Amino acid sequence: MEQKNSKSYGTALYTIITVFFFWGFLAASNGIFIPFCKTHFSLTQFESQLIDFTFYGGYFIGSLILYFASAASKVDILNKIGYKNGIVFGLILSAVGALLMIPAVNSGSFGFILSSFFVIALGFSLQQTAANPFVIVLGPPETGSNRLNFAGSVNNIGALLGPIVVSIVLFGSAKAQAAGAAVEISSINNLYYILAGLFLAVALFFWVSNLPKVTSDEKIESSQKANAPLLVIFIAFLLILAATPLSKWTSIPSQYFVYASLGIILITLISTIFAAKKNKEGWGAMQYPQLILGMIAIFTYVGTEVTIQSNMGSLLKTPEFGSFKESQIAPYISLYWGSLMIGRFAGSIGAFNLSKTTKNVLYVIIPFLAFGVVLLANALTGVDVSNLYIYAVCVAVLVVAFFIGQQKPTRTVSVLGILGVIFMLVGLFTTGRVATFSFISGGLCCSIMWPSIFALSITGLGKYTSQGSAFLIMMILGGSIIPPLQGKIADGSNNLIAGMSGIHFSYIVPVMGFTYLAYFAWKVGRELLKQGIDLDHVQASGGH
């Protein structure tokens, strides 16, 4: 990548990271919108999770379209139209999707709502593909990761505020929320009018802004054999959408098609490792085991991160978790996404040139300051946050985990993966506040997984690094597949275990997710050592 000149583009950076805010804001808001849709449209837990399926599926489809179009034309299409234009077009597309939500909600058609979410996500996919490299080139290459971490923190601020703002728009003041206020359709219309207006305003701002011209002279590497696994994964993705119709036609329970979708994706990726070992020619970036292991890890991580909060609204409405009303859920969803912000602010300390003593002090202070910001953001809306104070214990556990991880990707992923398993198991075997905060702590464990997994997965790829990065971004698909899977388990597990609701038991899914992430850290470490790569010098950067 290169830019028009070498001057500082501080204003340009602040302009570009506004889109990072939108990604976090809307993704986190799904945690409020999903339980509303489940009640309003009388959906099963699986059907309600189709919101995440279409939202994160839009990221996958958008990336896939760009990949195949660029491969077929042998031209980097996004580079040709320009990264600035890519962001503008993406914002306009998301605005169209937001405006479509208004007639969709008024029509009472859940399918129409899903289609509108898909259009918004397609726009986000284009924005994300363009914005990440844009941020990297706005300054010296050696500080590119610092800028991405800064952009990632803005994404987290959006995720923190999303549930709070959306809850106020939908349910009104804190007093109205406490009283269990009902949602007015006009409130939903207002929400999406506001979002569409913001998307268009930022698009116009980008259009008139004097941003640097960013170009790339990287050659598109051929990887014909990699096309087949991607197409199979695409078919597996569609299988979830077709699960209910296929069940009616074949009399096979729909959950088996959902399980099959996940199985096909995992088997396809794992078999690629063995196929590439026999003959590396034509596989491109997929010839490297660390990349395939990383694709599964990104798929698992994003799916785990999303599914914990997407199903939490329904979990909190059960008697054993407090019988919360829809309007009372926002502080907990906000705390979950705030947990990712807590971890990422702490994780960014290592990017600065500070003494070891200073870093150690900051590792203790920063997480609690970030936790204070989460509490303040909720308190300013009139919410009583005193029942959230005890969560400081979980933050303290994260601080210990950071000291053990020592900012080394393999050790960090391993420690947080194991810690995630422990938190999820505590949540499974308890109820009430202990279980609730244990599940929310999954956000702390997910917080810096993305940069660590990403760094390990593209290490040693050489000229295939750019292609490998594109494959990893496609695996955001996990946020589309795993939440519906958990929804199916929730729907089919009622009365399976005495005293445990189906939605509670379904949290076995993130247990398995964190288990794989811990395994990935061990396995990828062995693979990189075989290639003679010094793991102590693999640097984690960026964020999602």
Protein backbone atom coordinates (compact mmCIF):
# COMPACT_ATOMS: atom_id res chain seq x y z
CA MET A 1 0.00 0.00 0.00
CA GLU A 2 1.07 3.54 -0.58
CA GLN A 3 -0.40 7.01 -0.15
CA LYS A 4 -0.16 10.20 -2.18
CA ASN A 5 2.42 11.80 0.12
CA SER A 6 3.95 11.30 3.51
CA LYS A 7 2.36 14.15 5.48
CA SER A 8 0.33 13.47 8.61
CA TYR A 9 -3.34 12.74 8.02
CA GLY A 10 -4.72 13.12 11.52
CA THR A 11 -8.02 14.60 10.35
CA ALA A 12 -8.39 11.87 7.73
CA LEU A 13 -7.88 9.21 10.41
CA TYR A 14 -10.58 10.70 12.65
CA THR A 15 -12.89 10.85 9.63
CA ILE A 16 -12.36 7.21 8.69
CA ILE A 17 -12.79 5.75 12.18
CA THR A 18 -16.37 7.05 12.30
CA VAL A 19 -17.36 3.94 10.32
CA PHE A 20 -15.72 1.75 12.99
CA PHE A 21 -18.17 3.31 15.46
CA PHE A 22 -21.14 2.33 13.27
CA TRP A 23 -20.02 -1.31 13.01
CA GLY A 24 -19.84 -1.67 16.77
CA PHE A 25 -23.01 0.35 17.42
CA LEU A 26 -25.28 -1.70 15.17
CA ALA A 27 -23.76 -5.13 15.90
CA ALA A 28 -24.19 -4.62 19.66
CA SER A 29 -27.70 -3.24 19.17
CA ASN A 30 -28.77 -6.63 17.83
CA GLY A 31 -28.75 -7.86 21.42
CA ILE A 32 -31.69 -5.53 22.10
CA PHE A 33 -33.44 -5.96 18.76
CA ILE A 34 -33.35 -9.78 18.75
CA PRO A 35 -35.49 -10.36 21.90
CA PHE A 36 -37.90 -7.67 20.65
CA CYS A 37 -38.32 -9.49 17.32
CA LYS A 38 -38.70 -12.83 19.09
CA THR A 39 -41.65 -11.50 21.09
CA HIS A 40 -43.16 -9.29 18.39
CA PHE A 41 -43.11 -11.96 15.69
CA SER A 42 -43.62 -14.98 18.03
CA LEU A 43 -40.35 -16.57 16.87
CA THR A 44 -38.47 -19.62 18.10
CA GLN A 45 -34.99 -18.99 19.50
CA PHE A 46 -33.49 -20.32 16.25
CA GLU A 47 -35.61 -17.98 14.12
CA SER A 48 -34.64 -14.98 16.25
CA GLN A 49 -30.96 -15.81 15.69
CA LEU A 50 -31.47 -15.49 11.93
CA ILE A 51 -30.90 -11.77 12.51
CA ASP A 52 -27.27 -12.52 13.26
CA PHE A 53 -27.25 -15.07 10.43
CA THR A 54 -28.16 -12.41 7.86
CA PHE A 55 -26.12 -9.63 9.50
CA TYR A 56 -22.80 -11.51 9.67
CA GLY A 57 -23.67 -13.48 6.55
CA GLY A 58 -23.69 -10.14 4.73
CA TYR A 59 -20.04 -9.65 5.72
CA PHE A 60 -19.18 -13.10 4.35
CA ILE A 61 -21.11 -12.72 1.08
CA GLY A 62 -19.71 -9.24 0.48
CA SER A 63 -16.12 -10.46 0.99
CA LEU A 64 -16.77 -13.51 -1.19
CA ILE A 65 -18.16 -11.39 -4.05
CA LEU A 66 -15.14 -9.08 -3.97
CA TYR A 67 -12.73 -12.05 -3.84
CA PHE A 68 -14.21 -13.96 -6.79
CA ALA A 69 -14.77 -10.80 -8.87
CA SER A 70 -11.16 -9.72 -8.34
CA ALA A 71 -9.86 -13.23 -9.02
CA ALA A 72 -11.88 -13.53 -12.25
CA SER A 73 -10.84 -10.12 -13.55
CA LYS A 74 -7.30 -10.38 -12.13
CA VAL A 75 -7.82 -6.81 -10.91
CA ASP A 76 -8.24 -5.67 -7.32
CA ILE A 77 -11.69 -4.13 -7.80
CA LEU A 78 -11.65 -2.17 -4.56
CA ASN A 79 -8.22 -0.76 -5.40
CA LYS A 80 -9.53 0.23 -8.85
CA ILE A 81 -12.56 2.18 -7.59
CA GLY A 82 -10.54 3.62 -4.72
CA TYR A 83 -10.72 2.95 -0.98
CA LYS A 84 -12.40 6.31 -0.31
CA ASN A 85 -15.11 5.55 -2.87
CA GLY A 86 -15.46 2.05 -1.44
CA ILE A 87 -16.31 3.53 1.97
CA VAL A 88 -18.75 6.02 0.44
CA PHE A 89 -20.54 3.32 -1.59
CA GLY A 90 -20.65 1.09 1.48
CA LEU A 91 -22.24 3.84 3.59
CA ILE A 92 -24.85 4.53 0.91
CA LEU A 93 -25.66 0.81 0.70
CA SER A 94 -26.05 0.64 4.49
CA ALA A 95 -28.32 3.71 4.36
CA VAL A 96 -30.51 1.96 1.78
CA GLY A 97 -30.73 -1.05 4.10
CA ALA A 98 -31.67 1.18 7.06
CA LEU A 99 -34.45 2.85 5.03
CA LEU A 100 -35.71 -0.58 3.93
CA MET A 101 -36.10 -1.50 7.60
CA ILE A 102 -38.95 1.01 7.96
CA PRO A 103 -41.38 -0.63 5.49
CA ALA A 104 -40.03 -4.03 6.62
CA VAL A 105 -41.06 -3.49 10.26
CA ASN A 106 -44.38 -1.93 9.27
CA SER A 107 -45.16 -4.84 6.93
CA GLY A 108 -44.87 -7.34 9.78
CA SER A 109 -42.71 -9.55 7.55
CA PHE A 110 -39.73 -11.00 9.42
CA GLY A 111 -38.21 -12.12 6.09
CA PHE A 112 -38.30 -8.51 4.87
CA ILE A 113 -36.53 -7.42 8.07
CA LEU A 114 -33.81 -10.03 7.52
CA SER A 115 -33.32 -8.84 3.93
CA SER A 116 -32.90 -5.27 5.17
CA PHE A 117 -30.29 -6.37 7.72
CA PHE A 118 -28.47 -8.18 4.92
CA VAL A 119 -28.26 -4.99 2.82
CA ILE A 120 -26.91 -3.02 5.80
CA ALA A 121 -24.27 -5.72 6.37
CA LEU A 122 -23.24 -5.77 2.69
CA GLY A 123 -22.49 -2.07 3.06
CA PHE A 124 -20.52 -2.76 6.24
CA SER A 125 -18.51 -5.44 4.42
CA LEU A 126 -17.46 -2.95 1.75
CA GLN A 127 -16.66 -0.32 4.38
CA GLN A 128 -14.56 -2.74 6.43
CA THR A 129 -12.60 -4.06 3.47
CA ALA A 130 -11.71 -0.49 2.49
CA ALA A 131 -11.29 1.15 5.90
CA ASN A 132 -8.79 -1.26 7.48
CA PRO A 133 -5.99 -0.78 4.90
CA PHE A 134 -6.86 2.94 4.74
CA VAL A 135 -6.18 3.32 8.47
CA ILE A 136 -2.86 1.47 8.17
CA VAL A 137 -1.43 3.81 5.50
CA LEU A 138 -2.41 7.05 7.26
CA GLY A 139 1.02 7.45 8.81
CA PRO A 140 4.26 5.50 9.29
CA PRO A 141 3.97 1.73 8.66
CA GLU A 142 5.51 0.90 12.03
CA THR A 143 2.61 2.59 13.86
CA GLY A 144 -0.13 1.11 11.66
CA SER A 145 -1.13 -1.38 14.35
CA ASN A 146 -1.48 1.46 16.88
CA ARG A 147 -3.94 3.23 14.57
CA LEU A 148 -5.94 0.03 14.12
CA ASN A 149 -6.06 -0.44 17.88
CA PHE A 150 -7.32 3.13 18.21
CA ALA A 151 -9.97 2.47 15.55
CA GLY A 152 -10.87 -0.76 17.35
CA SER A 153 -11.41 1.15 20.59
CA VAL A 154 -13.82 3.48 18.76
CA ASN A 155 -15.63 0.37 17.52
CA ASN A 156 -15.95 -0.72 21.15
CA ILE A 157 -17.33 2.66 22.20
CA GLY A 158 -19.99 2.21 19.55
CA ALA A 159 -20.69 -1.29 20.89
CA LEU A 160 -20.95 0.08 24.45
CA LEU A 161 -23.37 2.86 23.49
CA GLY A 162 -25.42 0.88 20.95
CA PRO A 163 -27.58 -1.11 23.39
CA ILE A 164 -28.05 1.94 25.63
CA VAL A 165 -29.11 4.33 22.87
CA VAL A 166 -31.29 1.79 21.05
CA SER A 167 -32.99 0.85 24.32
CA ILE A 168 -33.79 4.54 25.01
CA VAL A 169 -35.10 5.08 21.47
CA LEU A 170 -37.27 1.94 21.65
CA PHE A 171 -38.38 1.92 25.29
CA GLY A 172 -37.93 5.50 26.47
CA SER A 173 -36.42 6.70 29.75
CA ALA A 174 -34.94 4.50 32.45
CA LYS A 175 -38.18 4.80 34.45
CA ALA A 176 -40.21 3.66 31.45
CA GLN A 177 -37.79 0.78 30.93
CA ALA A 178 -38.11 -0.28 34.57
CA ALA A 179 -41.88 -0.29 34.17
CA GLY A 180 -41.57 -2.61 31.17
CA ALA A 181 -42.67 -0.13 28.52
CA ALA A 182 -43.90 -1.57 25.24
CA VAL A 183 -42.22 -0.77 21.93
CA GLU A 184 -44.07 1.54 19.55
CA ILE A 185 -43.54 0.88 15.84
CA SER A 186 -43.00 4.62 15.37
CA SER A 187 -39.97 4.36 17.70
CA ILE A 188 -38.39 1.72 15.45
CA ASN A 189 -39.08 3.89 12.40
CA ASN A 190 -37.36 6.82 14.11
CA LEU A 191 -34.34 4.65 14.97
CA TYR A 192 -33.75 3.66 11.36
CA TYR A 193 -34.49 7.12 9.99
CA ILE A 194 -31.75 8.39 12.31
CA LEU A 195 -29.32 5.65 11.27
CA ALA A 196 -29.99 6.19 7.56
CA GLY A 197 -29.49 9.93 8.01
CA LEU A 198 -26.19 9.38 9.82
CA PHE A 199 -24.95 6.95 7.16
CA LEU A 200 -25.74 9.45 4.38
CA ALA A 201 -24.27 12.37 6.32
CA VAL A 202 -20.98 10.54 6.89
CA ALA A 203 -20.95 9.39 3.22
CA LEU A 204 -21.31 13.04 2.14
CA PHE A 205 -18.60 14.06 4.61
CA PHE A 206 -16.26 11.43 3.14
CA TRP A 207 -17.12 12.50 -0.40
CA VAL A 208 -16.14 16.14 0.16
CA SER A 209 -13.20 15.40 2.49
CA ASN A 210 -9.69 15.82 1.14
CA LEU A 211 -8.54 12.29 1.94
CA PRO A 212 -5.26 10.90 0.60
CA LYS A 213 -5.33 8.65 -2.45
CA VAL A 214 -4.56 5.10 -1.33
CA THR A 215 -3.37 2.56 -3.88
CA SER A 216 -2.02 -0.97 -3.81
CA ASP A 217 0.42 -2.53 -6.27
CA GLU A 218 0.17 -6.02 -4.77
CA LYS A 219 -0.25 -8.75 -7.37
CA ILE A 220 -3.33 -10.95 -6.94
CA GLU A 221 -1.90 -14.41 -6.31
CA SER A 222 -3.53 -17.35 -8.06
CA SER A 223 -5.18 -19.95 -5.84
CA GLN A 224 -7.57 -21.91 -8.04
CA LYS A 225 -7.78 -24.88 -5.66
CA ALA A 226 -8.91 -22.56 -2.84
CA ASN A 227 -12.05 -21.66 -4.80
CA ALA A 228 -13.70 -25.05 -4.27
CA PRO A 229 -13.60 -24.97 -0.42
CA LEU A 230 -14.99 -21.41 -0.46
CA LEU A 231 -17.89 -22.47 -2.68
CA VAL A 232 -18.64 -25.44 -0.41
CA ILE A 233 -18.64 -23.11 2.61
CA PHE A 234 -21.06 -20.81 0.75
CA ILE A 235 -23.43 -23.74 0.14
CA ALA A 236 -23.19 -24.70 3.83
CA PHE A 237 -24.09 -21.11 4.70
CA LEU A 238 -27.24 -21.34 2.56
CA LEU A 239 -28.15 -24.64 4.22
CA ILE A 240 -29.10 -22.83 7.45
CA LEU A 241 -31.43 -20.50 5.57
CA ALA A 242 -33.04 -23.52 3.92
CA ALA A 243 -33.24 -25.60 7.12
CA THR A 244 -36.94 -25.02 7.80
CA PRO A 245 -38.17 -25.52 4.19
CA LEU A 246 -35.98 -28.62 3.80
CA SER A 247 -37.37 -30.01 7.04
CA LYS A 248 -40.91 -29.65 5.72
CA TRP A 249 -40.05 -31.32 2.42
CA THR A 250 -38.03 -34.21 3.87
CA SER A 251 -39.55 -34.66 7.37
CA ILE A 252 -36.00 -34.50 8.74
CA PRO A 253 -35.83 -32.29 11.87
CA SER A 254 -34.50 -28.86 10.90
CA GLN A 255 -31.77 -28.89 13.54
CA TYR A 256 -29.94 -31.61 11.62
CA PHE A 257 -29.51 -29.27 8.66
CA VAL A 258 -28.07 -26.62 10.99
CA TYR A 259 -25.65 -29.14 12.50
CA ALA A 260 -24.78 -30.32 8.98
CA SER A 261 -23.94 -26.76 7.94
CA LEU A 262 -21.39 -26.41 10.73
CA GLY A 263 -20.03 -29.90 10.07
CA ILE A 264 -19.56 -29.22 6.35
CA ILE A 265 -17.64 -26.00 7.04
CA LEU A 266 -15.30 -27.60 9.57
CA ILE A 267 -14.72 -30.77 7.54
CA THR A 268 -14.03 -28.70 4.41
CA LEU A 269 -11.40 -26.59 6.16
CA ILE A 270 -9.76 -29.50 7.96
CA SER A 271 -9.60 -31.62 4.77
CA THR A 272 -7.91 -28.67 3.05
CA ILE A 273 -4.98 -28.97 5.45
CA PHE A 274 -4.38 -32.58 4.41
CA ALA A 275 -4.95 -31.89 0.69
CA ALA A 276 -2.49 -29.00 0.69
CA LYS A 277 0.13 -31.12 2.48
CA LYS A 278 0.11 -33.59 -0.42
CA ASN A 279 0.51 -30.91 -3.11
CA LYS A 280 0.85 -27.22 -2.26
CA GLU A 281 0.59 -25.99 -5.84
CA GLY A 282 -2.57 -24.00 -6.57
CA TRP A 283 -3.67 -23.66 -2.94
CA GLY A 284 -2.26 -20.16 -2.45
CA ALA A 285 -2.46 -19.05 1.18
CA MET A 286 -4.38 -22.22 2.08
CA GLN A 287 -1.19 -24.27 1.72
CA TYR A 288 -0.20 -23.03 5.19
CA PRO A 289 -1.70 -25.01 8.12
CA GLN A 290 -1.54 -21.98 10.42
CA LEU A 291 -3.91 -20.11 8.10
CA ILE A 292 -6.52 -22.90 7.97
CA LEU A 293 -6.30 -23.37 11.74
CA GLY A 294 -6.68 -19.59 12.04
CA MET A 295 -9.69 -19.52 9.71
CA ILE A 296 -11.41 -22.03 12.00
CA ALA A 297 -10.29 -19.99 15.02
CA ILE A 298 -11.65 -16.68 13.63
CA PHE A 299 -14.88 -18.48 12.69
CA THR A 300 -15.11 -19.88 16.23
CA TYR A 301 -14.08 -16.69 17.99
CA VAL A 302 -16.53 -14.40 16.15
CA GLY A 303 -19.32 -16.96 16.53
CA THR A 304 -18.62 -17.35 20.25
CA GLU A 305 -18.40 -13.60 20.83
CA VAL A 306 -21.70 -12.96 19.03
CA THR A 307 -23.70 -15.94 20.29
CA ILE A 308 -23.08 -15.22 23.99
CA GLN A 309 -24.84 -11.84 23.80
CA SER A 310 -27.35 -12.68 21.06
CA ASN A 311 -28.96 -15.38 23.21
CA MET A 312 -28.52 -13.46 26.47
CA GLY A 313 -31.73 -11.46 26.07
CA SER A 314 -33.80 -14.64 26.09
CA LEU A 315 -31.68 -16.10 28.90
CA LEU A 316 -32.32 -13.10 31.18
CA LYS A 317 -36.07 -13.42 30.63
CA THR A 318 -36.13 -16.89 32.25
CA PRO A 319 -37.16 -17.21 35.94
CA GLU A 320 -33.80 -18.63 37.07
CA PHE A 321 -32.05 -15.55 35.66
CA GLY A 322 -34.42 -12.93 37.03
CA SER A 323 -37.40 -12.79 34.65
CA PHE A 324 -36.16 -9.51 33.15
CA LYS A 325 -38.41 -7.51 30.83
CA GLU A 326 -37.09 -6.67 27.35
CA SER A 327 -36.66 -3.03 28.37
CA GLN A 328 -34.41 -4.02 31.32
CA ILE A 329 -31.84 -6.05 29.37
CA ALA A 330 -29.78 -3.19 27.88
CA PRO A 331 -27.33 -2.65 30.83
CA TYR A 332 -26.25 -6.30 30.67
CA ILE A 333 -25.79 -6.30 26.89
CA SER A 334 -23.90 -3.02 27.24
CA LEU A 335 -21.72 -4.53 29.98
CA TYR A 336 -20.92 -7.49 27.72
CA TRP A 337 -19.73 -5.29 24.86
CA GLY A 338 -18.09 -2.98 27.39
CA SER A 339 -16.11 -6.01 28.55
CA LEU A 340 -14.54 -6.23 25.11
CA MET A 341 -13.62 -2.56 25.39
CA ILE A 342 -12.09 -3.18 28.85
CA GLY A 343 -9.87 -5.93 27.48
CA ARG A 344 -8.89 -4.05 24.32
CA PHE A 345 -7.89 -0.89 26.15
CA ALA A 346 -5.68 -3.04 28.39
CA GLY A 347 -4.37 -4.95 25.40
CA SER A 348 -3.30 -1.74 23.64
CA ILE A 349 -0.86 -0.85 26.46
CA GLY A 350 1.82 -3.07 24.92
CA ALA A 351 1.80 -0.99 21.73
CA PHE A 352 3.36 1.99 23.52
CA ASN A 353 7.04 2.52 24.31
CA LEU A 354 6.79 2.51 28.09
CA SER A 355 8.93 1.09 30.87
CA LYS A 356 8.06 -2.34 32.18
CA THR A 357 7.05 -0.89 35.55
CA THR A 358 4.76 1.67 33.94
CA LYS A 359 3.14 -1.01 31.78
CA ASN A 360 2.54 -3.25 34.80
CA VAL A 361 0.87 -0.39 36.68
CA LEU A 362 -1.31 0.43 33.67
CA TYR A 363 -2.30 -3.23 33.26
CA VAL A 364 -3.88 -2.95 36.70
CA ILE A 365 -5.37 0.54 36.41
CA ILE A 366 -6.67 0.72 32.81
CA PRO A 367 -9.16 -2.20 33.01
CA PHE A 368 -10.82 -0.72 36.10
CA LEU A 369 -10.92 2.76 34.56
CA ALA A 370 -12.55 1.26 31.46
CA PHE A 371 -15.02 -0.57 33.71
CA GLY A 372 -15.82 2.80 35.29
CA VAL A 373 -16.56 4.21 31.83
CA VAL A 374 -19.03 1.35 31.21
CA LEU A 375 -20.77 2.06 34.52
CA LEU A 376 -20.85 5.81 33.84
CA ALA A 377 -22.32 5.36 30.35
CA ASN A 378 -25.18 3.35 31.82
CA ALA A 379 -25.63 5.58 34.89
CA LEU A 380 -26.01 8.70 32.71
CA THR A 381 -29.19 7.20 31.25
CA GLY A 382 -30.70 6.87 34.74
CA VAL A 383 -30.01 3.15 35.16
CA ASP A 384 -29.15 1.91 38.67
CA VAL A 385 -25.71 0.35 38.15
CA SER A 386 -25.07 -0.66 41.76
CA ASN A 387 -25.89 -4.29 40.96
CA LEU A 388 -23.06 -4.27 38.41
CA TYR A 389 -20.30 -3.33 40.88
CA ILE A 390 -19.56 -6.96 41.75
CA TYR A 391 -18.39 -7.46 38.15
CA ALA A 392 -15.14 -5.81 39.24
CA VAL A 393 -14.13 -9.28 40.50
CA CYS A 394 -14.26 -10.58 36.92
CA VAL A 395 -12.22 -7.60 35.73
CA ALA A 396 -9.59 -8.46 38.37
CA VAL A 397 -9.41 -12.01 36.98
CA LEU A 398 -8.75 -10.53 33.52
CA VAL A 399 -5.88 -8.45 34.93
CA VAL A 400 -4.26 -11.63 36.26
CA ALA A 401 -4.77 -13.29 32.86
CA PHE A 402 -2.98 -10.41 31.11
CA PHE A 403 0.06 -10.82 33.35
CA ILE A 404 0.13 -14.54 32.60
CA GLY A 405 -0.28 -13.95 28.84
CA GLN A 406 2.60 -11.44 28.72
CA GLN A 407 1.32 -9.99 25.40
CA LYS A 408 2.48 -13.12 23.55
CA PRO A 409 -0.22 -14.27 21.08
CA THR A 410 -0.02 -18.03 21.69
CA ARG A 411 0.06 -17.69 25.46
CA THR A 412 -2.64 -15.00 25.43
CA VAL A 413 -5.07 -17.04 23.32
CA SER A 414 -4.37 -20.13 25.40
CA VAL A 415 -4.92 -18.37 28.75
CA LEU A 416 -8.06 -16.55 27.61
CA GLY A 417 -9.41 -19.68 25.94
CA ILE A 418 -9.04 -21.72 29.13
CA LEU A 419 -10.44 -18.84 31.21
CA GLY A 420 -13.41 -18.64 28.82
CA VAL A 421 -14.13 -22.34 29.31
CA ILE A 422 -14.06 -21.87 33.09
CA PHE A 423 -16.40 -18.85 33.00
CA MET A 424 -18.86 -20.64 30.70
CA LEU A 425 -18.88 -23.77 32.89
CA VAL A 426 -19.51 -21.67 36.01
CA GLY A 427 -22.42 -20.07 34.15
CA LEU A 428 -23.78 -23.47 33.13
CA PHE A 429 -23.70 -24.95 36.62
CA THR A 430 -25.10 -21.91 38.45
CA THR A 431 -28.00 -19.49 37.98
CA GLY A 432 -28.85 -15.88 38.84
CA ARG A 433 -26.24 -13.16 39.09
CA VAL A 434 -23.26 -15.52 39.36
CA ALA A 435 -24.18 -17.24 36.10
CA THR A 436 -25.11 -13.97 34.39
CA PHE A 437 -21.78 -12.31 35.16
CA SER A 438 -19.91 -15.51 34.27
CA PHE A 439 -21.46 -15.51 30.81
CA ILE A 440 -20.87 -11.76 30.42
CA SER A 441 -17.20 -12.40 31.31
CA GLY A 442 -16.95 -14.18 27.97
CA GLY A 443 -16.59 -10.65 26.58
CA LEU A 444 -13.42 -10.16 28.61
CA CYS A 445 -12.01 -13.41 27.22
CA CYS A 446 -12.93 -12.51 23.63
CA SER A 447 -11.57 -8.97 23.90
CA ILE A 448 -8.13 -9.37 22.31
CA MET A 449 -8.61 -12.73 20.60
CA TRP A 450 -8.93 -11.21 17.11
CA PRO A 451 -5.48 -9.54 16.85
CA SER A 452 -3.72 -12.50 18.46
CA ILE A 453 -5.40 -15.10 16.21
CA PHE A 454 -4.91 -12.89 13.15
CA ALA A 455 -1.20 -12.37 13.83
CA LEU A 456 -0.53 -16.08 14.37
CA SER A 457 -2.52 -17.10 11.29
CA ILE A 458 -0.75 -14.87 8.74
CA THR A 459 2.76 -15.34 10.15
CA GLY A 460 5.04 -16.95 7.58
CA LEU A 461 2.66 -16.51 4.61
CA GLY A 462 5.03 -14.21 2.68
CA LYS A 463 3.52 -13.09 -0.64
CA TYR A 464 0.22 -14.75 0.32
CA THR A 465 -0.27 -12.54 3.40
CA SER A 466 -2.84 -10.27 1.73
CA GLN A 467 -4.82 -13.24 0.39
CA GLY A 468 -4.65 -14.98 3.77
CA SER A 469 -6.00 -11.83 5.44
CA ALA A 470 -8.95 -11.82 3.03
CA PHE A 471 -9.72 -15.47 3.85
CA LEU A 472 -9.60 -14.71 7.58
CA ILE A 473 -12.03 -11.79 7.23
CA MET A 474 -14.45 -14.10 5.39
CA MET A 475 -14.54 -16.24 8.52
CA ILE A 476 -16.56 -13.54 10.26
CA LEU A 477 -19.09 -16.03 8.90
CA GLY A 478 -18.90 -17.67 12.35
CA GLY A 479 -21.13 -14.87 13.66
CA SER A 480 -23.72 -16.02 11.12
CA ILE A 481 -23.58 -19.79 11.76
CA ILE A 482 -23.00 -20.30 15.49
CA PRO A 483 -25.85 -18.16 16.99
CA PRO A 484 -28.56 -20.04 15.01
CA LEU A 485 -26.86 -23.29 16.07
CA GLN A 486 -27.19 -22.26 19.71
CA GLY A 487 -30.78 -21.20 19.01
CA LYS A 488 -31.59 -24.69 17.71
CA ILE A 489 -30.04 -26.29 20.77
CA ALA A 490 -32.07 -23.93 22.99
CA ASP A 491 -35.31 -24.82 21.20
CA GLY A 492 -34.63 -28.55 21.38
CA SER A 493 -33.22 -28.81 24.90
CA ASN A 494 -36.19 -27.80 27.06
CA ASN A 495 -36.69 -30.33 29.87
CA LEU A 496 -33.56 -32.18 28.71
CA ILE A 497 -31.95 -31.58 32.11
CA ALA A 498 -34.15 -31.19 35.19
CA GLY A 499 -34.27 -27.61 36.42
CA MET A 500 -32.37 -26.19 33.44
CA SER A 501 -34.09 -24.31 30.62
CA GLY A 502 -33.17 -24.97 27.01
CA ILE A 503 -31.67 -21.51 26.57
CA HIS A 504 -29.47 -22.04 29.65
CA PHE A 505 -28.24 -25.45 28.44
CA SER A 506 -27.49 -23.98 25.01
CA TYR A 507 -24.51 -22.14 26.51
CA ILE A 508 -22.63 -25.40 26.04
CA VAL A 509 -21.91 -23.89 22.60
CA PRO A 510 -19.50 -21.15 23.82
CA VAL A 511 -17.88 -23.77 26.08
CA MET A 512 -16.93 -25.71 22.96
CA GLY A 513 -15.92 -22.50 21.20
CA PHE A 514 -13.44 -21.48 23.89
CA THR A 515 -12.15 -25.06 24.04
CA TYR A 516 -11.17 -24.94 20.36
CA LEU A 517 -9.52 -21.53 20.81
CA ALA A 518 -7.33 -22.93 23.59
CA TYR A 519 -6.47 -25.91 21.33
CA PHE A 520 -5.70 -23.55 18.44
CA ALA A 521 -3.10 -21.72 20.53
CA TRP A 522 -1.31 -25.00 21.29
CA LYS A 523 -1.58 -26.43 17.76
CA VAL A 524 -0.61 -23.30 15.81
CA GLY A 525 2.37 -22.85 18.12
CA ARG A 526 3.62 -26.30 17.15
CA GLU A 527 3.03 -25.64 13.44
CA LEU A 528 4.97 -22.36 13.51
CA LEU A 529 7.86 -23.92 15.43
CA LYS A 530 8.08 -26.59 12.70
CA GLN A 531 8.54 -23.75 10.21
CA GLY A 532 11.31 -22.25 12.33
CA ILE A 533 9.29 -19.19 13.37
CA ASP A 534 10.15 -17.54 16.69
CA LEU A 535 6.81 -17.18 18.49
CA ASP A 536 8.16 -14.60 20.93
CA HIS A 537 8.46 -12.14 18.04
CA VAL A 538 4.98 -12.56 16.57
CA GLN A 539 3.27 -9.24 17.23
CA ALA A 540 -0.49 -8.95 17.74
CA SER A 541 -2.12 -5.96 16.10
CA GLY A 542 -5.46 -4.61 14.98
CA GLY A 543 -8.89 -5.46 16.31
CA HIS A 544 -12.40 -6.44 15.36
